């Protein structure tokens, strides 16, 4: 990429640590006037598929036949059906065991299907799987839950071996992301910040991303531009970001396409993009919290957009994504969860919403999470 941005005129970035989060936050509604905070959602989706396929490939073939595997899965269903209730920690541990069993059963089915092409054990597997998910939903939604409990189930409900593997992978990339915090922001007006951001994305699409070096340059420059945008978040509440969102999505696809060679594997590119998206989601939420706490709310439109941006880390990160967070990022994420009720109250006052409409959001998040396992 020949258009590397010169990081010249800058000012210091906002503090984004958990301790700086005031007690405020938001609702769930997308707003095209703000950047696609999940514009690298393709990376998260690809990462989830990648980790799922890897866990299946590496799962020990505990079962000799598909029949034996499905029987074990039915037994797990029976065990969960007989549970009237579970402590939250035990429920999370049971969900983690379920995922490990699912991977082993799936591996046995795939192996056996190659030998018995006219058997259809996967239909039975899918039916039992749906029933297990429904039972975990019953247990999880037996009473009202908090945003912190949602995160705990996502994190602790991910198999420990997978969490550790992802943590070790992310540690190798953490120095790069830590270095981004040393790059100060541009001294731009809100309009200049958006124009500079748009020019960079357009130039990236024109020139492409050829290798790992250019890929990292892209992430480095985009991060500085994005943080410069965040510094003007309150002033940009009424500005359409559809163009930047679209270009960012296309640039992320270019970034993945630059990989797939011995020196730069696709999996490594996807891990970079996953960590980039995690960082971005938390930066957005921290900026929103700071603005709400300092009274920088200018309109119901801004409040609605902030509500969505605050919900996104809690909704968008699964256990695999959380495993790749640094300790400081986890602290920020759990701090966000703890501050959500007070934040929702403040934003509902601006929006004129009935606060009870949003009290069930943790339950909805749990339902969605369990349905996608």
Protein backbone atom coordinates (compact mmCIF):
# COMPACT_ATOMS: atom_id res chain seq x y z
CA UNK A 1 0.00 0.00 0.00
CA UNK A 2 1.76 3.09 -1.23
CA UNK A 3 -0.49 5.57 0.54
CA UNK A 4 0.74 5.19 4.10
CA UNK A 5 -0.57 8.07 6.15
CA UNK A 6 1.85 10.40 7.83
CA UNK A 7 0.91 10.70 11.48
CA UNK A 8 1.84 14.31 11.89
CA UNK A 9 -0.55 16.72 13.59
CA UNK A 10 -1.82 14.88 16.65
CA UNK A 11 -3.19 15.35 20.11
CA UNK A 12 -3.34 12.90 23.00
CA UNK A 13 -6.01 10.16 22.87
CA UNK A 14 -8.87 9.74 25.33
CA UNK A 15 -8.25 7.41 28.22
CA UNK A 16 -10.02 4.12 27.55
CA UNK A 17 -9.40 2.17 30.74
CA UNK A 18 -12.16 0.63 32.80
CA UNK A 19 -11.65 2.96 35.70
CA UNK A 20 -12.59 5.93 33.54
CA UNK A 21 -16.06 4.57 32.75
CA UNK A 22 -18.81 6.60 34.42
CA UNK A 23 -22.05 4.92 35.45
CA UNK A 24 -24.00 5.38 32.24
CA UNK A 25 -25.00 3.48 28.96
CA UNK A 26 -27.58 2.45 26.28
CA UNK A 27 -30.25 0.58 24.13
CA UNK A 28 -30.33 -1.62 21.06
CA UNK A 29 -30.97 -0.03 17.70
CA UNK A 30 -28.61 0.28 14.77
CA UNK A 31 -27.94 3.71 13.35
CA UNK A 32 -26.39 4.18 9.93
CA UNK A 33 -25.20 7.63 10.91
CA UNK A 34 -22.38 6.11 12.94
CA UNK A 35 -19.54 3.95 11.63
CA UNK A 36 -20.20 0.25 11.28
CA UNK A 37 -18.92 -0.73 14.66
CA UNK A 38 -19.19 -4.31 13.50
CA UNK A 39 -17.79 -3.46 10.08
CA UNK A 40 -15.29 -6.21 10.71
CA UNK A 41 -18.08 -8.51 11.75
CA UNK A 42 -16.99 -10.67 8.85
CA UNK A 43 -13.77 -11.20 10.77
CA UNK A 44 -15.60 -12.29 13.91
CA UNK A 45 -17.82 -14.62 11.89
CA UNK A 46 -14.81 -16.08 10.10
CA UNK A 47 -13.00 -16.42 13.42
CA UNK A 48 -15.93 -18.28 14.98
CA UNK A 49 -16.05 -20.67 12.03
CA UNK A 50 -12.29 -21.11 12.17
CA UNK A 51 -12.22 -21.93 15.88
CA UNK A 52 -15.22 -24.23 15.53
CA UNK A 53 -13.63 -26.18 12.70
CA UNK A 54 -10.31 -26.36 14.53
CA UNK A 55 -11.98 -27.65 17.69
CA UNK A 56 -13.69 -30.36 15.66
CA UNK A 57 -10.47 -31.35 13.93
CA UNK A 58 -8.59 -31.51 17.22
CA UNK A 59 -11.37 -33.16 19.23
CA UNK A 60 -10.44 -36.63 20.47
CA UNK A 61 -12.52 -39.30 18.68
CA UNK A 62 -14.08 -40.60 21.89
CA UNK A 63 -16.74 -42.59 20.04
CA UNK A 64 -16.23 -45.55 17.75
CA UNK A 65 -19.53 -45.13 15.89
CA UNK A 66 -22.10 -42.44 15.22
CA UNK A 67 -24.66 -44.48 17.15
CA UNK A 68 -22.47 -44.46 20.24
CA UNK A 69 -21.93 -40.70 19.84
CA UNK A 70 -25.62 -39.88 19.48
CA UNK A 71 -26.43 -42.08 22.49
CA UNK A 72 -23.97 -40.08 24.59
CA UNK A 73 -25.56 -36.86 23.35
CA UNK A 74 -29.01 -38.12 24.34
CA UNK A 75 -27.69 -39.01 27.79
CA UNK A 76 -26.41 -35.46 28.19
CA UNK A 77 -29.84 -34.16 27.21
CA UNK A 78 -31.44 -36.40 29.83
CA UNK A 79 -29.07 -35.12 32.52
CA UNK A 80 -29.88 -31.49 31.73
CA UNK A 81 -33.62 -32.21 31.56
CA UNK A 82 -33.53 -33.62 35.09
CA UNK A 83 -31.89 -30.48 36.49
CA UNK A 84 -34.49 -28.21 38.06
CA UNK A 85 -31.99 -25.39 38.51
CA UNK A 86 -28.24 -24.72 38.53
CA UNK A 87 -25.97 -22.20 40.19
CA UNK A 88 -24.61 -19.84 37.55
CA UNK A 89 -21.03 -21.10 37.80
CA UNK A 90 -22.18 -24.72 37.48
CA UNK A 91 -24.39 -23.81 34.55
CA UNK A 92 -21.46 -22.19 32.76
CA UNK A 93 -19.28 -25.25 33.44
CA UNK A 94 -22.03 -27.51 32.12
CA UNK A 95 -22.32 -25.42 28.94
CA UNK A 96 -18.56 -25.74 28.45
CA UNK A 97 -18.80 -29.54 28.85
CA UNK A 98 -21.67 -29.57 26.38
CA UNK A 99 -19.55 -27.81 23.76
CA UNK A 100 -16.71 -30.30 24.24
CA UNK A 101 -19.14 -33.20 23.90
CA UNK A 102 -20.75 -31.61 20.85
CA UNK A 103 -17.37 -31.36 19.12
CA UNK A 104 -16.54 -35.00 19.88
CA UNK A 105 -19.95 -36.20 18.70
CA UNK A 106 -19.71 -34.10 15.55
CA UNK A 107 -16.25 -35.50 14.80
CA UNK A 108 -17.55 -39.06 15.18
CA UNK A 109 -20.51 -38.33 12.91
CA UNK A 110 -18.31 -36.86 10.21
CA UNK A 111 -15.99 -39.85 10.30
CA UNK A 112 -18.80 -42.40 10.31
CA UNK A 113 -20.76 -40.68 7.54
CA UNK A 114 -17.86 -41.28 5.15
CA UNK A 115 -18.26 -45.01 5.72
CA UNK A 116 -22.07 -45.18 5.84
CA UNK A 117 -23.36 -42.85 3.18
CA UNK A 118 -27.00 -43.93 3.56
CA UNK A 119 -27.22 -43.36 7.31
CA UNK A 120 -28.51 -40.01 8.53
CA UNK A 121 -27.37 -39.70 12.17
CA UNK A 122 -26.85 -35.96 11.77
CA UNK A 123 -30.61 -35.41 11.66
CA UNK A 124 -30.91 -37.04 15.07
CA UNK A 125 -27.87 -35.11 16.29
CA UNK A 126 -29.42 -31.79 15.25
CA UNK A 127 -32.73 -32.63 16.93
CA UNK A 128 -31.00 -33.58 20.19
CA UNK A 129 -28.79 -30.49 19.94
CA UNK A 130 -31.81 -28.20 19.67
CA UNK A 131 -33.38 -29.88 22.68
CA UNK A 132 -30.21 -29.45 24.75
CA UNK A 133 -30.05 -25.76 23.81
CA UNK A 134 -33.69 -25.35 24.86
CA UNK A 135 -32.97 -26.95 28.25
CA UNK A 136 -30.02 -24.65 28.89
CA UNK A 137 -32.22 -21.73 27.92
CA UNK A 138 -34.79 -22.90 30.48
CA UNK A 139 -32.15 -23.00 33.20
CA UNK A 140 -30.53 -19.71 32.22
CA UNK A 141 -33.78 -17.77 32.00
CA UNK A 142 -35.34 -19.15 35.18
CA UNK A 143 -34.91 -15.71 36.76
CA UNK A 144 -33.79 -12.24 35.75
CA UNK A 145 -30.11 -11.97 34.83
CA UNK A 146 -27.57 -9.17 34.71
CA UNK A 147 -25.23 -8.09 31.94
CA UNK A 148 -22.32 -9.38 34.04
CA UNK A 149 -23.94 -12.82 34.18
CA UNK A 150 -24.27 -12.77 30.40
CA UNK A 151 -20.52 -12.20 30.07
CA UNK A 152 -19.70 -14.83 32.70
CA UNK A 153 -21.71 -17.46 30.84
CA UNK A 154 -20.05 -16.57 27.55
CA UNK A 155 -16.56 -16.65 29.04
CA UNK A 156 -16.79 -19.59 31.44
CA UNK A 157 -19.11 -21.49 29.10
CA UNK A 158 -16.28 -21.75 26.58
CA UNK A 159 -14.12 -24.88 27.07
CA UNK A 160 -11.04 -24.09 29.15
CA UNK A 161 -8.59 -25.66 26.68
CA UNK A 162 -9.95 -23.52 23.86
CA UNK A 163 -9.81 -20.37 26.01
CA UNK A 164 -6.19 -21.06 26.88
CA UNK A 165 -5.24 -21.73 23.27
CA UNK A 166 -6.87 -18.48 22.13
CA UNK A 167 -5.28 -16.55 24.98
CA UNK A 168 -1.83 -17.77 23.96
CA UNK A 169 -2.51 -16.88 20.33
CA UNK A 170 -3.67 -13.39 21.26
CA UNK A 171 -0.65 -12.77 23.50
CA UNK A 172 1.58 -12.98 20.44
CA UNK A 173 -0.37 -10.12 18.83
CA UNK A 174 -0.90 -7.96 21.91
CA UNK A 175 2.37 -5.98 21.51
CA UNK A 176 1.19 -4.71 18.12
CA UNK A 177 -2.12 -3.48 19.52
CA UNK A 178 -0.45 -1.99 22.59
CA UNK A 179 1.80 0.01 20.26
CA UNK A 180 -1.26 1.62 18.66
CA UNK A 181 -1.97 3.49 21.88
CA UNK A 182 1.30 5.39 21.49
CA UNK A 183 0.12 7.01 18.24
CA UNK A 184 -1.59 10.32 19.08
CA UNK A 185 -4.68 11.68 17.38
CA UNK A 186 -4.98 14.10 14.47
CA UNK A 187 -5.69 17.75 15.25
CA UNK A 188 -8.69 17.84 12.95
CA UNK A 189 -12.12 19.40 13.13
CA UNK A 190 -14.97 16.88 13.04
CA UNK A 191 -15.44 17.46 9.31
CA UNK A 192 -11.71 17.16 8.61
CA UNK A 193 -11.52 13.93 10.64
CA UNK A 194 -14.24 12.31 8.54
CA UNK A 195 -12.77 13.56 5.27
CA UNK A 196 -9.31 12.23 6.18
CA UNK A 197 -10.81 8.89 7.23
CA UNK A 198 -12.76 8.59 3.97
CA UNK A 199 -9.72 9.47 1.83
CA UNK A 200 -7.65 6.81 3.55
CA UNK A 201 -10.23 4.09 2.96
CA UNK A 202 -10.68 5.12 -0.67
CA UNK A 203 -6.92 5.05 -1.24
CA UNK A 204 -6.70 1.62 0.38
CA UNK A 205 -9.39 0.27 -1.94
CA UNK A 206 -7.61 1.79 -4.92
CA UNK A 207 -4.10 0.54 -4.13
CA UNK A 208 -5.00 -2.69 -2.33
CA UNK A 209 -3.23 -4.59 0.45
CA UNK A 210 -0.53 -6.86 -0.94
CA UNK A 211 1.19 -8.44 2.06
CA UNK A 212 1.46 -8.62 5.84
CA UNK A 213 3.46 -5.40 6.08
CA UNK A 214 0.79 -3.42 4.25
CA UNK A 215 -1.90 -5.21 6.25
CA UNK A 216 -0.34 -4.02 9.52
CA UNK A 217 0.12 -0.53 8.08
CA UNK A 218 -3.58 -0.50 7.28
CA UNK A 219 -4.53 -1.51 10.84
CA UNK A 220 -2.13 1.04 12.32
CA UNK A 221 -3.36 3.95 10.23
CA UNK A 222 -7.03 3.02 10.48
CA UNK A 223 -6.79 2.86 14.26
CA UNK A 224 -5.42 6.40 14.50
CA UNK A 225 -8.13 7.69 12.17
CA UNK A 226 -10.88 5.86 14.03
CA UNK A 227 -9.75 7.19 17.41
CA UNK A 228 -9.58 10.68 15.92
CA UNK A 229 -13.19 10.23 14.84
CA UNK A 230 -14.17 9.10 18.35
CA UNK A 231 -12.77 12.34 19.78
CA UNK A 232 -15.56 14.16 17.88
CA UNK A 233 -18.32 11.64 18.55
CA UNK A 234 -20.83 14.10 20.10
CA UNK A 235 -20.48 16.60 17.24
CA UNK A 236 -20.99 13.94 14.58
CA UNK A 237 -24.31 12.61 15.85
CA UNK A 238 -26.22 13.76 12.78
CA UNK A 239 -23.66 12.85 10.13
CA UNK A 240 -24.19 9.88 7.84
CA UNK A 241 -21.39 7.32 8.05
CA UNK A 242 -22.78 4.90 5.47
CA UNK A 243 -19.92 5.53 3.03
CA UNK A 244 -17.20 4.94 5.60
CA UNK A 245 -18.99 1.84 6.88
CA UNK A 246 -19.19 0.34 3.40
CA UNK A 247 -15.57 1.14 2.57
CA UNK A 248 -14.36 -0.25 5.90
CA UNK A 249 -16.12 -3.56 5.24
CA UNK A 250 -14.51 -3.78 1.81
CA UNK A 251 -11.08 -2.92 3.24
CA UNK A 252 -11.44 -5.71 5.82
CA UNK A 253 -12.13 -8.16 3.02
CA UNK A 254 -9.02 -6.91 1.21
CA UNK A 255 -7.08 -7.42 4.42
CA UNK A 256 -8.13 -11.07 4.67
CA UNK A 257 -7.39 -11.60 0.98
CA UNK A 258 -3.82 -10.37 1.51
CA UNK A 259 -3.16 -13.51 3.57
CA UNK A 260 -3.11 -17.16 2.55
CA UNK A 261 0.63 -17.49 1.99
CA UNK A 262 3.36 -19.32 3.94
CA UNK A 263 4.55 -16.06 5.51
CA UNK A 264 1.05 -14.86 6.42
CA UNK A 265 -1.66 -17.44 7.10
CA UNK A 266 -5.35 -16.61 6.81
CA UNK A 267 -5.85 -17.64 10.44
CA UNK A 268 -3.33 -15.04 11.58
CA UNK A 269 -5.06 -12.32 9.55
CA UNK A 270 -8.42 -13.28 11.03
CA UNK A 271 -6.98 -13.17 14.56
CA UNK A 272 -5.62 -9.67 13.92
CA UNK A 273 -9.00 -8.52 12.63
CA UNK A 274 -10.85 -10.12 15.53
CA UNK A 275 -8.64 -8.32 18.03
CA UNK A 276 -8.99 -5.11 16.04
CA UNK A 277 -12.79 -5.42 16.19
CA UNK A 278 -12.76 -6.22 19.92
CA UNK A 279 -10.62 -3.13 20.50
CA UNK A 280 -12.94 -1.02 18.36
CA UNK A 281 -16.10 -2.15 20.17
CA UNK A 282 -14.59 -1.34 23.55
CA UNK A 283 -13.24 2.02 22.36
CA UNK A 284 -16.73 2.95 21.17
CA UNK A 285 -18.37 1.93 24.40
CA UNK A 286 -15.78 3.74 26.53
CA UNK A 287 -16.18 6.93 24.48
CA UNK A 288 -19.97 6.74 24.85
CA UNK A 289 -19.72 6.19 28.60
CA UNK A 290 -17.39 9.15 28.94
CA UNK A 291 -19.66 11.44 26.92
CA UNK A 292 -22.75 10.41 28.89
CA UNK A 293 -20.97 10.89 32.19
CA UNK A 294 -19.75 14.35 31.18
CA UNK A 295 -23.17 15.43 29.94
CA UNK A 296 -22.20 15.63 26.28
CA UNK A 297 -25.58 14.40 25.05
CA UNK A 298 -26.89 16.74 22.36
CA UNK A 299 -29.98 15.00 20.97
CA UNK A 300 -32.25 11.93 21.17
CA UNK A 301 -30.64 10.78 17.92
CA UNK A 302 -27.23 10.78 19.57
CA UNK A 303 -28.63 8.99 22.64
CA UNK A 304 -30.15 6.28 20.48
CA UNK A 305 -26.88 5.72 18.63
CA UNK A 306 -24.96 5.60 21.92
CA UNK A 307 -27.41 3.06 23.26
CA UNK A 308 -26.63 0.73 20.34
CA UNK A 309 -22.88 1.26 20.57
CA UNK A 310 -22.95 0.39 24.26
CA UNK A 311 -24.88 -2.82 23.58
CA UNK A 312 -22.58 -4.01 20.82
CA UNK A 313 -19.64 -5.34 22.89
CA UNK A 314 -22.05 -7.27 25.10
CA UNK A 315 -23.91 -8.71 22.13
CA UNK A 316 -21.11 -9.05 19.59
CA UNK A 317 -18.42 -10.84 21.58
CA UNK A 318 -18.75 -14.58 22.18
CA UNK A 319 -16.56 -16.69 24.43
CA UNK A 320 -13.92 -17.11 21.74
CA UNK A 321 -13.64 -13.36 21.24
CA UNK A 322 -13.51 -12.73 24.98
CA UNK A 323 -10.67 -15.23 25.32
CA UNK A 324 -8.56 -12.97 23.09
CA UNK A 325 -9.04 -9.86 25.23
CA UNK A 326 -6.22 -8.54 27.37
CA UNK A 327 -6.81 -8.38 31.12
CA UNK A 328 -7.34 -4.62 30.88
CA UNK A 329 -9.89 -5.09 28.11
CA UNK A 330 -11.77 -7.68 30.15
CA UNK A 331 -11.83 -5.24 33.04
CA UNK A 332 -13.30 -2.62 30.71
CA UNK A 333 -15.89 -5.04 29.35
CA UNK A 334 -17.08 -6.17 32.77
CA UNK A 335 -17.08 -2.54 33.93
CA UNK A 336 -19.34 -1.72 31.01
CA UNK A 337 -21.69 -4.53 32.02
CA UNK A 338 -21.88 -3.27 35.61
CA UNK A 339 -22.58 0.30 34.48
CA UNK A 340 -25.26 -0.57 31.93
CA UNK A 341 -28.35 -0.20 34.19
CA UNK A 342 -27.42 3.33 35.27
CA UNK A 343 -26.47 4.22 31.72
CA UNK A 344 -29.77 2.97 30.34
CA UNK A 345 -31.63 5.08 32.89
CA UNK A 346 -29.82 8.23 31.74
CA UNK A 347 -30.30 7.53 28.05
CA UNK A 348 -33.96 6.62 28.49
CA UNK A 349 -34.48 10.00 30.13
CA UNK A 350 -33.12 11.67 26.99
CA UNK A 351 -35.05 9.40 24.64
CA UNK A 352 -38.31 9.38 26.56
CA UNK A 353 -38.29 5.57 26.57
CA UNK A 354 -39.98 3.35 29.11
CA UNK A 355 -37.03 1.90 31.02
CA UNK A 356 -38.82 -1.41 31.49
CA UNK A 357 -38.53 -1.99 27.73
CA UNK A 358 -34.81 -2.56 28.14
CA UNK A 359 -34.75 -4.52 31.39
CA UNK A 360 -35.05 -7.81 29.50
CA UNK A 361 -32.01 -7.20 27.29
CA UNK A 362 -29.72 -9.55 29.30
CA UNK A 363 -32.31 -12.31 28.91
CA UNK A 364 -32.50 -11.72 25.17
CA UNK A 365 -28.69 -11.80 24.90
CA UNK A 366 -28.57 -15.13 26.74
CA UNK A 367 -31.27 -16.58 24.53
CA UNK A 368 -29.42 -15.54 21.37
CA UNK A 369 -26.08 -16.81 22.70
CA UNK A 370 -27.36 -20.26 23.65
CA UNK A 371 -29.21 -20.60 20.36
CA UNK A 372 -26.00 -20.03 18.40
CA UNK A 373 -23.80 -22.55 20.24
